[in-house]
Amino acid sequence: MKADTHPKYYSCKVFHNGQVVMTVGATVPELHVEVWSGSHPFFTGKQTFVDAAGRVEKFQRKFQGNYFAGKEKKK
């Protein structure tokens, strides 16, 4: 291998809600994740609500009121 062509390789700790959930190899020393397989409803069988960055509220604000009132149908 040529010197100085590859990024530094770290033993990366992955955090979820402030707790270390796993250690992997990566080019950054640590990662902070919102969802991982140990907290995802598909793998756990539990239903949880995840709202990252207020997406639900943003959607509700956008489509509230008479949003579709002035729209004409194209034929």
N, C-alpha and C. Protein backbone atom coordinates (compact mmCIF):
# COMPACT_ATOMS: atom_id res chain seq x y z
N MET A 1 0.83 -1.18 0.00
CA MET A 1 0.00 0.00 0.00
C MET A 1 0.88 1.25 0.00
N LYS A 2 0.41 2.26 -0.68
CA LYS A 2 1.10 3.53 -0.67
C LYS A 2 0.84 4.23 0.65
N ALA A 3 1.80 4.97 1.12
CA ALA A 3 1.64 5.73 2.36
C ALA A 3 0.76 6.95 2.12
N ASP A 4 -0.02 7.32 3.11
CA ASP A 4 -0.86 8.52 3.11
C ASP A 4 -1.96 8.53 2.05
N THR A 5 -2.42 7.38 1.57
CA THR A 5 -3.53 7.37 0.62
C THR A 5 -4.83 6.89 1.26
N HIS A 6 -4.74 6.25 2.40
CA HIS A 6 -5.93 5.71 3.06
C HIS A 6 -6.25 6.53 4.31
N PRO A 7 -7.54 6.69 4.62
CA PRO A 7 -7.90 7.43 5.84
C PRO A 7 -7.53 6.65 7.09
N LYS A 8 -7.45 7.35 8.20
CA LYS A 8 -7.15 6.70 9.48
C LYS A 8 -8.32 5.80 9.85
N TYR A 9 -8.03 4.62 10.34
CA TYR A 9 -9.03 3.62 10.68
C TYR A 9 -9.17 3.55 12.20
N TYR A 10 -10.40 3.70 12.71
CA TYR A 10 -10.66 3.71 14.14
C TYR A 10 -11.49 2.49 14.54
N SER A 11 -11.39 2.14 15.80
CA SER A 11 -12.32 1.21 16.40
C SER A 11 -13.48 2.07 16.89
N CYS A 12 -14.52 2.15 16.09
CA CYS A 12 -15.60 3.12 16.27
C CYS A 12 -16.67 2.59 17.23
N LYS A 13 -17.06 3.43 18.20
CA LYS A 13 -18.15 3.09 19.11
C LYS A 13 -19.44 3.72 18.57
N VAL A 14 -20.50 2.92 18.52
CA VAL A 14 -21.80 3.39 18.04
C VAL A 14 -22.70 3.62 19.25
N PHE A 15 -23.22 4.84 19.38
CA PHE A 15 -24.05 5.23 20.52
C PHE A 15 -25.51 5.36 20.09
N HIS A 16 -26.41 4.90 20.98
CA HIS A 16 -27.85 5.09 20.81
C HIS A 16 -28.39 5.51 22.17
N ASN A 17 -28.98 6.71 22.24
CA ASN A 17 -29.49 7.27 23.50
C ASN A 17 -28.41 7.33 24.58
N GLY A 18 -27.19 7.66 24.19
CA GLY A 18 -26.10 7.82 25.15
C GLY A 18 -25.43 6.54 25.60
N GLN A 19 -25.87 5.40 25.11
CA GLN A 19 -25.27 4.12 25.49
C GLN A 19 -24.56 3.51 24.29
N VAL A 20 -23.42 2.87 24.55
CA VAL A 20 -22.69 2.18 23.49
C VAL A 20 -23.44 0.90 23.16
N VAL A 21 -23.82 0.74 21.89
CA VAL A 21 -24.57 -0.44 21.48
C VAL A 21 -23.71 -1.44 20.71
N MET A 22 -22.64 -0.97 20.10
CA MET A 22 -21.74 -1.87 19.39
C MET A 22 -20.44 -1.15 19.06
N THR A 23 -19.44 -1.91 18.68
CA THR A 23 -18.16 -1.36 18.24
C THR A 23 -17.87 -1.91 16.86
N VAL A 24 -17.57 -1.03 15.94
CA VAL A 24 -17.28 -1.42 14.56
C VAL A 24 -16.02 -0.70 14.08
N GLY A 25 -15.53 -1.05 12.95
CA GLY A 25 -14.41 -0.34 12.35
C GLY A 25 -14.92 0.73 11.41
N ALA A 26 -14.36 1.94 11.51
CA ALA A 26 -14.82 3.04 10.66
C ALA A 26 -13.73 4.10 10.56
N THR A 27 -14.01 5.13 9.77
CA THR A 27 -13.06 6.23 9.60
C THR A 27 -13.34 7.38 10.56
N VAL A 28 -14.30 7.21 11.48
CA VAL A 28 -14.59 8.19 12.52
C VAL A 28 -14.53 7.48 13.88
N PRO A 29 -14.15 8.18 14.93
CA PRO A 29 -14.01 7.51 16.23
C PRO A 29 -15.33 7.13 16.90
N GLU A 30 -16.43 7.85 16.63
CA GLU A 30 -17.72 7.47 17.21
C GLU A 30 -18.87 7.94 16.33
N LEU A 31 -19.99 7.19 16.42
CA LEU A 31 -21.21 7.50 15.69
C LEU A 31 -22.37 7.58 16.67
N HIS A 32 -23.29 8.50 16.42
CA HIS A 32 -24.51 8.62 17.22
C HIS A 32 -25.68 8.36 16.29
N VAL A 33 -26.47 7.32 16.59
CA VAL A 33 -27.57 6.92 15.71
C VAL A 33 -28.90 7.06 16.43
N GLU A 34 -29.99 7.30 15.67
CA GLU A 34 -31.33 7.41 16.24
C GLU A 34 -32.01 6.04 16.29
N VAL A 35 -31.75 5.22 15.29
CA VAL A 35 -32.39 3.91 15.19
C VAL A 35 -31.32 2.88 14.84
N TRP A 36 -31.36 1.74 15.50
CA TRP A 36 -30.50 0.62 15.16
C TRP A 36 -31.32 -0.65 15.32
N SER A 37 -30.79 -1.79 14.96
CA SER A 37 -31.59 -3.02 14.94
C SER A 37 -32.13 -3.39 16.31
N GLY A 38 -31.46 -2.99 17.38
CA GLY A 38 -31.95 -3.29 18.73
C GLY A 38 -33.11 -2.42 19.16
N SER A 39 -33.39 -1.34 18.43
CA SER A 39 -34.51 -0.47 18.80
C SER A 39 -35.56 -0.37 17.69
N HIS A 40 -35.34 -1.02 16.56
CA HIS A 40 -36.26 -0.94 15.44
C HIS A 40 -37.43 -1.90 15.64
N PRO A 41 -38.66 -1.43 15.40
CA PRO A 41 -39.85 -2.28 15.62
C PRO A 41 -39.83 -3.59 14.85
N PHE A 42 -39.23 -3.62 13.68
CA PHE A 42 -39.19 -4.86 12.88
C PHE A 42 -38.45 -5.96 13.63
N PHE A 43 -37.35 -5.61 14.31
CA PHE A 43 -36.53 -6.60 14.99
C PHE A 43 -37.00 -6.86 16.42
N THR A 44 -37.57 -5.85 17.08
CA THR A 44 -37.96 -6.01 18.48
C THR A 44 -39.39 -6.49 18.66
N GLY A 45 -40.25 -6.24 17.67
CA GLY A 45 -41.65 -6.61 17.80
C GLY A 45 -42.47 -5.60 18.57
N LYS A 46 -41.85 -4.52 19.03
CA LYS A 46 -42.54 -3.46 19.76
C LYS A 46 -42.77 -2.28 18.84
N GLN A 47 -43.91 -1.63 18.98
CA GLN A 47 -44.21 -0.45 18.17
C GLN A 47 -43.75 0.79 18.93
N THR A 48 -42.88 1.57 18.31
CA THR A 48 -42.43 2.83 18.89
C THR A 48 -42.61 3.93 17.86
N PHE A 49 -42.74 5.16 18.32
CA PHE A 49 -42.92 6.29 17.44
C PHE A 49 -41.63 7.10 17.41
N VAL A 50 -41.04 7.24 16.23
CA VAL A 50 -39.81 8.00 16.07
C VAL A 50 -40.13 9.20 15.20
N ASP A 51 -39.92 10.39 15.71
CA ASP A 51 -40.16 11.61 14.94
C ASP A 51 -38.84 12.38 14.88
N ALA A 52 -38.10 12.17 13.82
CA ALA A 52 -36.82 12.85 13.66
C ALA A 52 -37.03 14.22 13.03
N ALA A 53 -36.59 15.23 13.70
CA ALA A 53 -36.61 16.62 13.21
C ALA A 53 -38.01 17.14 12.94
N GLY A 54 -39.02 16.66 13.68
CA GLY A 54 -40.37 17.20 13.57
C GLY A 54 -41.03 16.97 12.23
N ARG A 55 -40.79 15.85 11.59
CA ARG A 55 -41.33 15.60 10.25
C ARG A 55 -42.85 15.52 10.26
N VAL A 56 -43.41 14.94 11.31
CA VAL A 56 -44.86 14.81 11.38
C VAL A 56 -45.50 16.19 11.50
N GLU A 57 -44.96 17.03 12.39
CA GLU A 57 -45.50 18.37 12.55
C GLU A 57 -45.34 19.19 11.28
N LYS A 58 -44.22 19.04 10.60
CA LYS A 58 -44.00 19.76 9.34
C LYS A 58 -45.04 19.35 8.30
N PHE A 59 -45.32 18.06 8.20
CA PHE A 59 -46.33 17.55 7.27
C PHE A 59 -47.71 18.10 7.62
N GLN A 60 -48.06 18.07 8.91
CA GLN A 60 -49.37 18.54 9.34
C GLN A 60 -49.53 20.04 9.08
N ARG A 61 -48.49 20.84 9.32
CA ARG A 61 -48.57 22.27 9.04
C ARG A 61 -48.73 22.53 7.55
N LYS A 62 -48.06 21.75 6.73
CA LYS A 62 -48.10 21.96 5.28
C LYS A 62 -49.50 21.68 4.72
N PHE A 63 -50.15 20.63 5.18
CA PHE A 63 -51.41 20.19 4.58
C PHE A 63 -52.64 20.55 5.41
N GLN A 64 -52.51 21.43 6.38
CA GLN A 64 -53.68 21.82 7.17
C GLN A 64 -54.50 22.86 6.41
N GLY A 65 -55.71 23.03 6.83
CA GLY A 65 -56.57 24.07 6.24
C GLY A 65 -57.05 23.72 4.85
N ASN A 66 -57.07 24.70 3.97
CA ASN A 66 -57.60 24.55 2.61
C ASN A 66 -56.48 24.40 1.59
N TYR A 67 -55.57 23.51 1.84
CA TYR A 67 -54.42 23.33 0.96
C TYR A 67 -54.84 22.94 -0.45
N PHE A 68 -55.84 22.04 -0.56
CA PHE A 68 -56.26 21.54 -1.86
C PHE A 68 -57.44 22.31 -2.45
N ALA A 69 -57.93 23.33 -1.79
CA ALA A 69 -59.13 24.05 -2.22
C ALA A 69 -58.94 24.74 -3.55
N GLY A 70 -57.79 25.35 -3.82
CA GLY A 70 -57.60 26.11 -5.03
C GLY A 70 -57.04 25.30 -6.19
N LYS A 71 -56.86 24.01 -6.02
CA LYS A 71 -56.27 23.16 -7.06
C LYS A 71 -57.33 22.72 -8.05
N GLU A 72 -57.02 22.77 -9.34
CA GLU A 72 -57.92 22.28 -10.37
C GLU A 72 -57.43 20.92 -10.85
N LYS A 73 -58.35 20.08 -11.23
CA LYS A 73 -57.98 18.78 -11.79
C LYS A 73 -57.57 18.95 -13.25
N LYS A 74 -56.49 18.28 -13.63
CA LYS A 74 -56.07 18.28 -15.03
C LYS A 74 -56.77 17.13 -15.74
N LYS A 75 -57.22 17.40 -16.95
CA LYS A 75 -57.92 16.34 -17.71
C LYS A 75 -57.08 15.87 -18.85
